[in-house]
Protein backbone atom coordinates (compact mmCIF):
# COMPACT_ATOMS: atom_id res chain seq x y z
CA UNK A 1 0.00 0.00 0.00
CA UNK A 2 1.21 3.48 -0.88
CA UNK A 3 -0.25 6.81 0.15
CA UNK A 4 0.14 9.99 -1.88
CA UNK A 5 -0.98 13.47 -0.89
CA UNK A 6 -1.01 16.48 -3.21
CA UNK A 7 -1.34 19.60 -1.06
CA UNK A 8 -1.77 21.88 -4.10
CA UNK A 9 -5.12 20.29 -4.93
CA UNK A 10 -5.81 18.75 -1.48
CA UNK A 11 -6.15 15.23 -2.87
CA UNK A 12 -5.19 11.99 -1.13
CA UNK A 13 -4.66 8.72 -3.01
CA UNK A 14 -4.30 5.34 -1.34
CA UNK A 15 -2.88 2.75 -3.74
CA UNK A 16 -3.51 -0.92 -2.94
CA UNK A 17 -2.17 -2.45 -6.13
CA UNK A 18 -0.14 -1.45 -9.16
CA UNK A 19 -2.78 -2.98 -11.46
CA UNK A 20 -4.16 -0.61 -14.08
CA UNK A 21 -7.66 0.58 -13.12
CA UNK A 22 -10.38 0.07 -15.72
CA UNK A 23 -12.99 2.30 -14.12
CA UNK A 24 -14.03 4.56 -11.26
CA UNK A 25 -16.88 4.24 -8.80
CA UNK A 26 -17.87 7.37 -6.87
CA UNK A 27 -18.96 6.21 -3.41
CA UNK A 28 -19.66 9.71 -2.11
CA UNK A 29 -18.96 13.24 -3.29
CA UNK A 30 -15.21 13.45 -3.89
CA UNK A 31 -14.47 9.86 -2.80
CA UNK A 32 -13.72 7.51 -5.68
CA UNK A 33 -12.67 3.88 -5.97
CA UNK A 34 -10.39 2.90 -8.84
CA UNK A 35 -11.34 -0.61 -9.90
CA UNK A 36 -10.27 -3.27 -12.37
CA UNK A 37 -12.66 -4.80 -14.87
CA UNK A 38 -13.37 -7.62 -12.39
CA UNK A 39 -14.15 -5.09 -9.61
CA UNK A 40 -10.94 -5.37 -7.61
CA UNK A 41 -10.23 -2.12 -5.77
CA UNK A 42 -6.78 -0.82 -6.73
CA UNK A 43 -7.00 2.62 -5.14
CA UNK A 44 -9.06 5.22 -3.33
CA UNK A 45 -9.01 8.90 -4.25
CA UNK A 46 -10.25 11.49 -1.74
CA UNK A 47 -10.71 15.03 -3.05
CA UNK A 48 -10.77 17.95 -0.59
CA UNK A 49 -9.27 15.42 1.78
CA UNK A 50 -8.25 17.84 4.54
CA UNK A 51 -11.93 18.77 4.90
CA UNK A 52 -12.93 15.10 5.20
CA UNK A 53 -10.20 13.77 7.50
CA UNK A 54 -7.15 14.63 9.57
CA UNK A 55 -4.35 14.39 6.98
CA UNK A 56 -1.70 14.09 9.69
CA UNK A 57 -3.15 10.83 11.00
CA UNK A 58 -3.21 9.15 7.59
CA UNK A 59 0.36 10.20 6.85
CA UNK A 60 1.61 8.54 10.05
CA UNK A 61 1.11 4.89 10.86
CA UNK A 62 1.74 2.16 13.36
CA UNK A 63 2.25 -1.50 12.72
CA UNK A 64 1.35 -4.30 15.10
CA UNK A 65 3.20 -7.53 14.42
CA UNK A 66 2.19 -10.94 15.66
CA UNK A 67 5.48 -12.35 16.97
CA UNK A 68 4.24 -15.93 16.59
CA UNK A 69 3.66 -15.33 12.88
CA UNK A 70 7.29 -14.19 12.57
CA UNK A 71 8.61 -17.21 14.55
CA UNK A 72 10.07 -15.15 17.43
PDB file of N, CA and C in Angstrom:
ATOM      1  N   UNK A   1       0.842  -1.171   0.000  1.00  0.00           N
ATOM      2  CA  UNK A   1       0.000   0.000   0.000  1.00  0.00           C
ATOM      3  C   UNK A   1       0.888   1.234   0.000  1.00  0.00           C
ATOM      4  N   UNK A   2       0.512   2.202  -0.813  1.00  0.00           N
ATOM      5  CA  UNK A   2       1.212   3.478  -0.876  1.00  0.00           C
ATOM      6  C   UNK A   2       0.192   4.592  -0.703  1.00  0.00           C
ATOM      7  N   UNK A   3       0.626   5.677  -0.067  1.00  0.00           N
ATOM      8  CA  UNK A   3      -0.246   6.814   0.154  1.00  0.00           C
ATOM      9  C   UNK A   3       0.413   8.049  -0.440  1.00  0.00           C
ATOM     10  N   UNK A   4      -0.343   8.772  -1.247  1.00  0.00           N
ATOM     11  CA  UNK A   4       0.144   9.994  -1.877  1.00  0.00           C
ATOM     12  C   UNK A   4      -0.770  11.140  -1.476  1.00  0.00           C
ATOM     13  N   UNK A   5      -0.181  12.289  -1.196  1.00  0.00           N
ATOM     14  CA  UNK A   5      -0.977  13.472  -0.890  1.00  0.00           C
ATOM     15  C   UNK A   5      -0.449  14.634  -1.713  1.00  0.00           C
ATOM     16  N   UNK A   6      -1.345  15.306  -2.414  1.00  0.00           N
ATOM     17  CA  UNK A   6      -1.009  16.482  -3.213  1.00  0.00           C
ATOM     18  C   UNK A   6      -1.632  17.686  -2.515  1.00  0.00           C
ATOM     19  N   UNK A   7      -0.802  18.464  -1.822  1.00  0.00           N
ATOM     20  CA  UNK A   7      -1.335  19.596  -1.057  1.00  0.00           C
ATOM     21  C   UNK A   7      -1.784  20.751  -1.949  1.00  0.00           C
ATOM     22  N   UNK A   8      -1.326  20.806  -3.195  1.00  0.00           N
ATOM     23  CA  UNK A   8      -1.766  21.881  -4.096  1.00  0.00           C
ATOM     24  C   UNK A   8      -3.240  21.742  -4.457  1.00  0.00           C
ATOM     25  N   UNK A   9      -3.711  20.514  -4.591  1.00  0.00           N
ATOM     26  CA  UNK A   9      -5.120  20.292  -4.933  1.00  0.00           C
ATOM     27  C   UNK A   9      -5.886  19.621  -3.799  1.00  0.00           C
ATOM     28  N   UNK A  10      -5.208  19.372  -2.665  1.00  0.00           N
ATOM     29  CA  UNK A  10      -5.808  18.745  -1.482  1.00  0.00           C
ATOM     30  C   UNK A  10      -6.452  17.409  -1.829  1.00  0.00           C
ATOM     31  N   UNK A  11      -5.663  16.547  -2.473  1.00  0.00           N
ATOM     32  CA  UNK A  11      -6.155  15.226  -2.865  1.00  0.00           C
ATOM     33  C   UNK A  11      -5.256  14.149  -2.262  1.00  0.00           C
ATOM     34  N   UNK A  12      -5.893  13.124  -1.722  1.00  0.00           N
ATOM     35  CA  UNK A  12      -5.191  11.987  -1.135  1.00  0.00           C
ATOM     36  C   UNK A  12      -5.489  10.763  -1.989  1.00  0.00           C
ATOM     37  N   UNK A  13      -4.463   9.960  -2.252  1.00  0.00           N
ATOM     38  CA  UNK A  13      -4.663   8.723  -3.006  1.00  0.00           C
ATOM     39  C   UNK A  13      -4.025   7.585  -2.240  1.00  0.00           C
ATOM     40  N   UNK A  14      -4.797   6.545  -1.997  1.00  0.00           N
ATOM     41  CA  UNK A  14      -4.303   5.338  -1.340  1.00  0.00           C
ATOM     42  C   UNK A  14      -4.266   4.244  -2.401  1.00  0.00           C
ATOM     43  N   UNK A  15      -3.071   3.759  -2.690  1.00  0.00           N
ATOM     44  CA  UNK A  15      -2.882   2.754  -3.739  1.00  0.00           C
ATOM     45  C   UNK A  15      -2.717   1.382  -3.088  1.00  0.00           C
ATOM     46  N   UNK A  16      -3.574   0.436  -3.467  1.00  0.00           N
ATOM     47  CA  UNK A  16      -3.509  -0.925  -2.937  1.00  0.00           C
ATOM     48  C   UNK A  16      -2.786  -1.882  -3.862  1.00  0.00           C
ATOM     49  N   UNK A  17      -2.737  -1.552  -5.123  1.00  0.00           N
ATOM     50  CA  UNK A  17      -2.171  -2.447  -6.130  1.00  0.00           C
ATOM     51  C   UNK A  17      -1.618  -1.614  -7.276  1.00  0.00           C
ATOM     52  N   UNK A  18      -0.653  -2.162  -7.989  1.00  0.00           N
ATOM     53  CA  UNK A  18      -0.136  -1.452  -9.160  1.00  0.00           C
ATOM     54  C   UNK A  18      -0.862  -1.874 -10.439  1.00  0.00           C
ATOM     55  N   UNK A  19      -1.970  -2.617 -10.293  1.00  0.00           N
ATOM     56  CA  UNK A  19      -2.779  -2.977 -11.458  1.00  0.00           C
ATOM     57  C   UNK A  19      -3.380  -1.723 -12.078  1.00  0.00           C
ATOM     58  N   UNK A  20      -3.574  -1.748 -13.364  1.00  0.00           N
ATOM     59  CA  UNK A  20      -4.156  -0.611 -14.077  1.00  0.00           C
ATOM     60  C   UNK A  20      -5.661  -0.579 -13.847  1.00  0.00           C
ATOM     61  N   UNK A  21      -6.202   0.517 -13.308  1.00  0.00           N
ATOM     62  CA  UNK A  21      -7.656   0.578 -13.122  1.00  0.00           C
ATOM     63  C   UNK A  21      -8.380   0.678 -14.462  1.00  0.00           C
ATOM     64  N   UNK A  22      -9.553   0.056 -14.506  1.00  0.00           N
ATOM     65  CA  UNK A  22     -10.377   0.070 -15.719  1.00  0.00           C
ATOM     66  C   UNK A  22     -11.571   1.009 -15.573  1.00  0.00           C
ATOM     67  N   UNK A  23     -11.840   1.431 -14.336  1.00  0.00           N
ATOM     68  CA  UNK A  23     -12.986   2.297 -14.122  1.00  0.00           C
ATOM     69  C   UNK A  23     -12.941   2.951 -12.758  1.00  0.00           C
ATOM     70  N   UNK A  24     -13.924   3.804 -12.514  1.00  0.00           N
ATOM     71  CA  UNK A  24     -14.026   4.555 -11.261  1.00  0.00           C
ATOM     72  C   UNK A  24     -15.456   4.450 -10.751  1.00  0.00           C
ATOM     73  N   UNK A  25     -15.580   4.240  -9.439  1.00  0.00           N
ATOM     74  CA  UNK A  25     -16.885   4.242  -8.795  1.00  0.00           C
ATOM     75  C   UNK A  25     -16.869   5.342  -7.741  1.00  0.00           C
ATOM     76  N   UNK A  26     -17.779   6.312  -7.875  1.00  0.00           N
ATOM     77  CA  UNK A  26     -17.874   7.369  -6.874  1.00  0.00           C
ATOM     78  C   UNK A  26     -18.757   6.853  -5.746  1.00  0.00           C
ATOM     79  N   UNK A  27     -18.175   6.737  -4.524  1.00  0.00           N
ATOM     80  CA  UNK A  27     -18.958   6.214  -3.409  1.00  0.00           C
ATOM     81  C   UNK A  27     -19.590   7.319  -2.577  1.00  0.00           C
ATOM     82  N   UNK A  28     -19.041   8.502  -2.659  1.00  0.00           N
ATOM     83  CA  UNK A  28     -19.664   9.709  -2.112  1.00  0.00           C
ATOM     84  C   UNK A  28     -18.995  10.886  -2.803  1.00  0.00           C
ATOM     85  N   UNK A  29     -19.499  12.087  -2.583  1.00  0.00           N
ATOM     86  CA  UNK A  29     -18.958  13.240  -3.291  1.00  0.00           C
ATOM     87  C   UNK A  29     -17.468  13.406  -2.992  1.00  0.00           C
ATOM     88  N   UNK A  30     -16.641  13.276  -4.025  1.00  0.00           N
ATOM     89  CA  UNK A  30     -15.206  13.446  -3.889  1.00  0.00           C
ATOM     90  C   UNK A  30     -14.460  12.247  -3.356  1.00  0.00           C
ATOM     91  N   UNK A  31     -15.136  11.103  -3.241  1.00  0.00           N
ATOM     92  CA  UNK A  31     -14.474   9.862  -2.799  1.00  0.00           C
ATOM     93  C   UNK A  31     -14.709   8.816  -3.879  1.00  0.00           C
ATOM     94  N   UNK A  32     -13.619   8.397  -4.529  1.00  0.00           N
ATOM     95  CA  UNK A  32     -13.717   7.512  -5.680  1.00  0.00           C
ATOM     96  C   UNK A  32     -12.879   6.263  -5.500  1.00  0.00           C
ATOM     97  N   UNK A  33     -13.413   5.139  -5.941  1.00  0.00           N
ATOM     98  CA  UNK A  33     -12.674   3.884  -5.970  1.00  0.00           C
ATOM     99  C   UNK A  33     -12.192   3.637  -7.383  1.00  0.00           C
ATOM    100  N   UNK A  34     -10.912   3.365  -7.554  1.00  0.00           N
ATOM    101  CA  UNK A  34     -10.388   2.901  -8.842  1.00  0.00           C
ATOM    102  C   UNK A  34     -10.491   1.387  -8.827  1.00  0.00           C
ATOM    103  N   UNK A  35     -11.107   0.828  -9.867  1.00  0.00           N
ATOM    104  CA  UNK A  35     -11.345  -0.612  -9.904  1.00  0.00           C
ATOM    105  C   UNK A  35     -10.852  -1.226 -11.214  1.00  0.00           C
ATOM    106  N   UNK A  36     -10.596  -2.523 -11.159  1.00  0.00           N
ATOM    107  CA  UNK A  36     -10.267  -3.275 -12.370  1.00  0.00           C
ATOM    108  C   UNK A  36     -11.568  -3.721 -13.028  1.00  0.00           C
ATOM    109  N   UNK A  37     -11.455  -4.358 -14.174  1.00  0.00           N
ATOM    110  CA  UNK A  37     -12.665  -4.802 -14.866  1.00  0.00           C
ATOM    111  C   UNK A  37     -13.402  -5.893 -14.099  1.00  0.00           C
ATOM    112  N   UNK A  38     -12.696  -6.615 -13.217  1.00  0.00           N
ATOM    113  CA  UNK A  38     -13.369  -7.621 -12.393  1.00  0.00           C
ATOM    114  C   UNK A  38     -13.648  -7.115 -10.971  1.00  0.00           C
ATOM    115  N   UNK A  39     -13.719  -5.778 -10.824  1.00  0.00           N
ATOM    116  CA  UNK A  39     -14.151  -5.088  -9.612  1.00  0.00           C
ATOM    117  C   UNK A  39     -13.189  -5.200  -8.425  1.00  0.00           C
ATOM    118  N   UNK A  40     -11.929  -5.447  -8.683  1.00  0.00           N
ATOM    119  CA  UNK A  40     -10.940  -5.371  -7.606  1.00  0.00           C
ATOM    120  C   UNK A  40     -10.622  -3.895  -7.361  1.00  0.00           C
ATOM    121  N   UNK A  41     -10.553  -3.503  -6.107  1.00  0.00           N
ATOM    122  CA  UNK A  41     -10.227  -2.119  -5.767  1.00  0.00           C
ATOM    123  C   UNK A  41      -8.712  -1.963  -5.797  1.00  0.00           C
ATOM    124  N   UNK A  42      -8.224  -1.058  -6.636  1.00  0.00           N
ATOM    125  CA  UNK A  42      -6.779  -0.821  -6.727  1.00  0.00           C
ATOM    126  C   UNK A  42      -6.358   0.480  -6.068  1.00  0.00           C
ATOM    127  N   UNK A  43      -7.338   1.362  -5.792  1.00  0.00           N
ATOM    128  CA  UNK A  43      -7.001   2.623  -5.143  1.00  0.00           C
ATOM    129  C   UNK A  43      -8.229   3.401  -4.723  1.00  0.00           C
ATOM    130  N   UNK A  44      -8.009   4.322  -3.787  1.00  0.00           N
ATOM    131  CA  UNK A  44      -9.058   5.222  -3.326  1.00  0.00           C
ATOM    132  C   UNK A  44      -8.551   6.651  -3.461  1.00  0.00           C
ATOM    133  N   UNK A  45      -9.335   7.487  -4.111  1.00  0.00           N
ATOM    134  CA  UNK A  45      -9.011   8.904  -4.249  1.00  0.00           C
ATOM    135  C   UNK A  45      -9.978   9.709  -3.385  1.00  0.00           C
ATOM    136  N   UNK A  46      -9.427  10.629  -2.584  1.00  0.00           N
ATOM    137  CA  UNK A  46     -10.253  11.486  -1.739  1.00  0.00           C
ATOM    138  C   UNK A  46      -9.921  12.932  -2.071  1.00  0.00           C
ATOM    139  N   UNK A  47     -10.875  13.621  -2.696  1.00  0.00           N
ATOM    140  CA  UNK A  47     -10.708  15.027  -3.048  1.00  0.00           C
ATOM    141  C   UNK A  47     -11.128  15.894  -1.872  1.00  0.00           C
ATOM    142  N   UNK A  48     -10.541  17.084  -1.752  1.00  0.00           N
ATOM    143  CA  UNK A  48     -10.773  17.952  -0.590  1.00  0.00           C
ATOM    144  C   UNK A  48     -10.554  17.165   0.695  1.00  0.00           C
ATOM    145  N   UNK A  49      -9.494  16.388   0.701  1.00  0.00           N
ATOM    146  CA  UNK A  49      -9.274  15.424   1.779  1.00  0.00           C
ATOM    147  C   UNK A  49      -9.070  16.056   3.145  1.00  0.00           C
ATOM    148  N   UNK A  50      -8.458  17.229   3.227  1.00  0.00           N
ATOM    149  CA  UNK A  50      -8.250  17.843   4.539  1.00  0.00           C
ATOM    150  C   UNK A  50      -9.563  18.292   5.175  1.00  0.00           C
ATOM    151  N   UNK A  51     -10.606  18.424   4.367  1.00  0.00           N
ATOM    152  CA  UNK A  51     -11.931  18.770   4.900  1.00  0.00           C
ATOM    153  C   UNK A  51     -12.681  17.528   5.354  1.00  0.00           C
ATOM    154  N   UNK A  52     -12.230  16.355   4.901  1.00  0.00           N
ATOM    155  CA  UNK A  52     -12.927  15.104   5.204  1.00  0.00           C
ATOM    156  C   UNK A  52     -12.233  14.270   6.278  1.00  0.00           C
ATOM    157  N   UNK A  53     -10.960  14.579   6.545  1.00  0.00           N
ATOM    158  CA  UNK A  53     -10.198  13.773   7.498  1.00  0.00           C
ATOM    159  C   UNK A  53      -9.002  14.551   8.009  1.00  0.00           C
ATOM    160  N   UNK A  54      -8.386  14.044   9.049  1.00  0.00           N
ATOM    161  CA  UNK A  54      -7.151  14.631   9.568  1.00  0.00           C
ATOM    162  C   UNK A  54      -5.990  14.052   8.761  1.00  0.00           C
ATOM    163  N   UNK A  55      -5.429  14.840   7.868  1.00  0.00           N
ATOM    164  CA  UNK A  55      -4.354  14.387   6.982  1.00  0.00           C
ATOM    165  C   UNK A  55      -3.154  13.880   7.777  1.00  0.00           C
ATOM    166  N   UNK A  56      -2.867  14.493   8.901  1.00  0.00           N
ATOM    167  CA  UNK A  56      -1.697  14.094   9.689  1.00  0.00           C
ATOM    168  C   UNK A  56      -1.806  12.661  10.203  1.00  0.00           C
ATOM    169  N   UNK A  57      -3.012  12.193  10.504  1.00  0.00           N
ATOM    170  CA  UNK A  57      -3.148  10.826  11.003  1.00  0.00           C
ATOM    171  C   UNK A  57      -2.953   9.798   9.897  1.00  0.00           C
ATOM    172  N   UNK A  58      -3.372  10.104   8.692  1.00  0.00           N
ATOM    173  CA  UNK A  58      -3.211   9.149   7.592  1.00  0.00           C
ATOM    174  C   UNK A  58      -1.765   9.094   7.109  1.00  0.00           C
ATOM    175  N   UNK A  59      -1.027  10.179   7.299  1.00  0.00           N
ATOM    176  CA  UNK A  59       0.358  10.201   6.854  1.00  0.00           C
ATOM    177  C   UNK A  59       1.319   9.625   7.899  1.00  0.00           C
ATOM    178  N   UNK A  60       0.809   9.255   9.064  1.00  0.00           N
ATOM    179  CA  UNK A  60       1.610   8.538  10.054  1.00  0.00           C
ATOM    180  C   UNK A  60       0.949   7.182  10.258  1.00  0.00           C
ATOM    181  N   UNK A  61       1.687   6.219  10.712  1.00  0.00           N
ATOM    182  CA  UNK A  61       1.108   4.889  10.856  1.00  0.00           C
ATOM    183  C   UNK A  61       1.799   4.144  11.982  1.00  0.00           C
ATOM    184  N   UNK A  62       1.136   3.095  12.409  1.00  0.00           N
ATOM    185  CA  UNK A  62       1.741   2.164  13.358  1.00  0.00           C
ATOM    186  C   UNK A  62       1.492   0.764  12.832  1.00  0.00           C
ATOM    187  N   UNK A  63       2.331  -0.134  13.217  1.00  0.00           N
ATOM    188  CA  UNK A  63       2.248  -1.498  12.725  1.00  0.00           C
ATOM    189  C   UNK A  63       2.338  -2.444  13.902  1.00  0.00           C
ATOM    190  N   UNK A  64       1.323  -3.280  14.060  1.00  0.00           N
ATOM    191  CA  UNK A  64       1.354  -4.300  15.096  1.00  0.00           C
ATOM    192  C   UNK A  64       1.741  -5.606  14.427  1.00  0.00           C
ATOM    193  N   UNK A  65       2.704  -6.290  15.011  1.00  0.00           N
ATOM    194  CA  UNK A  65       3.199  -7.529  14.419  1.00  0.00           C
ATOM    195  C   UNK A  65       2.945  -8.669  15.386  1.00  0.00           C
ATOM    196  N   UNK A  66       2.390  -9.741  14.873  1.00  0.00           N
ATOM    197  CA  UNK A  66       2.193 -10.944  15.658  1.00  0.00           C
ATOM    198  C   UNK A  66       3.517 -11.696  15.709  1.00  0.00           C
ATOM    199  N   UNK A  67       4.155 -11.730  16.862  1.00  0.00           N
ATOM    200  CA  UNK A  67       5.479 -12.347  16.969  1.00  0.00           C
ATOM    201  C   UNK A  67       5.435 -13.844  16.643  1.00  0.00           C
ATOM    202  N   UNK A  68       4.346 -14.502  16.930  1.00  0.00           N
ATOM    203  CA  UNK A  68       4.238 -15.931  16.588  1.00  0.00           C
ATOM    204  C   UNK A  68       4.274 -16.141  15.078  1.00  0.00           C
ATOM    205  N   UNK A  69       3.667 -15.229  14.349  1.00  0.00           N
ATOM    206  CA  UNK A  69       3.661 -15.331  12.883  1.00  0.00           C
ATOM    207  C   UNK A  69       5.068 -15.151  12.307  1.00  0.00           C
ATOM    208  N   UNK A  70       5.925 -14.434  13.039  1.00  0.00           N
ATOM    209  CA  UNK A  70       7.292 -14.187  12.568  1.00  0.00           C
ATOM    210  C   UNK A  70       8.287 -15.188  13.158  1.00  0.00           C
ATOM    211  N   UNK A  71       7.782 -16.159  13.933  1.00  0.00           N
ATOM    212  CA  UNK A  71       8.610 -17.210  14.550  1.00  0.00           C
ATOM    213  C   UNK A  71       9.610 -16.658  15.551  1.00  0.00           C
ATOM    214  N   UNK A  72       9.212 -15.673  16.367  1.00  0.00           N
ATOM    215  CA  UNK A  72      10.073 -15.148  17.434  1.00  0.00           C
ATOM    216  C   UNK A  72       9.747 -15.853  18.710  1.00  0.00           C
TER     217      UNK A  72
END
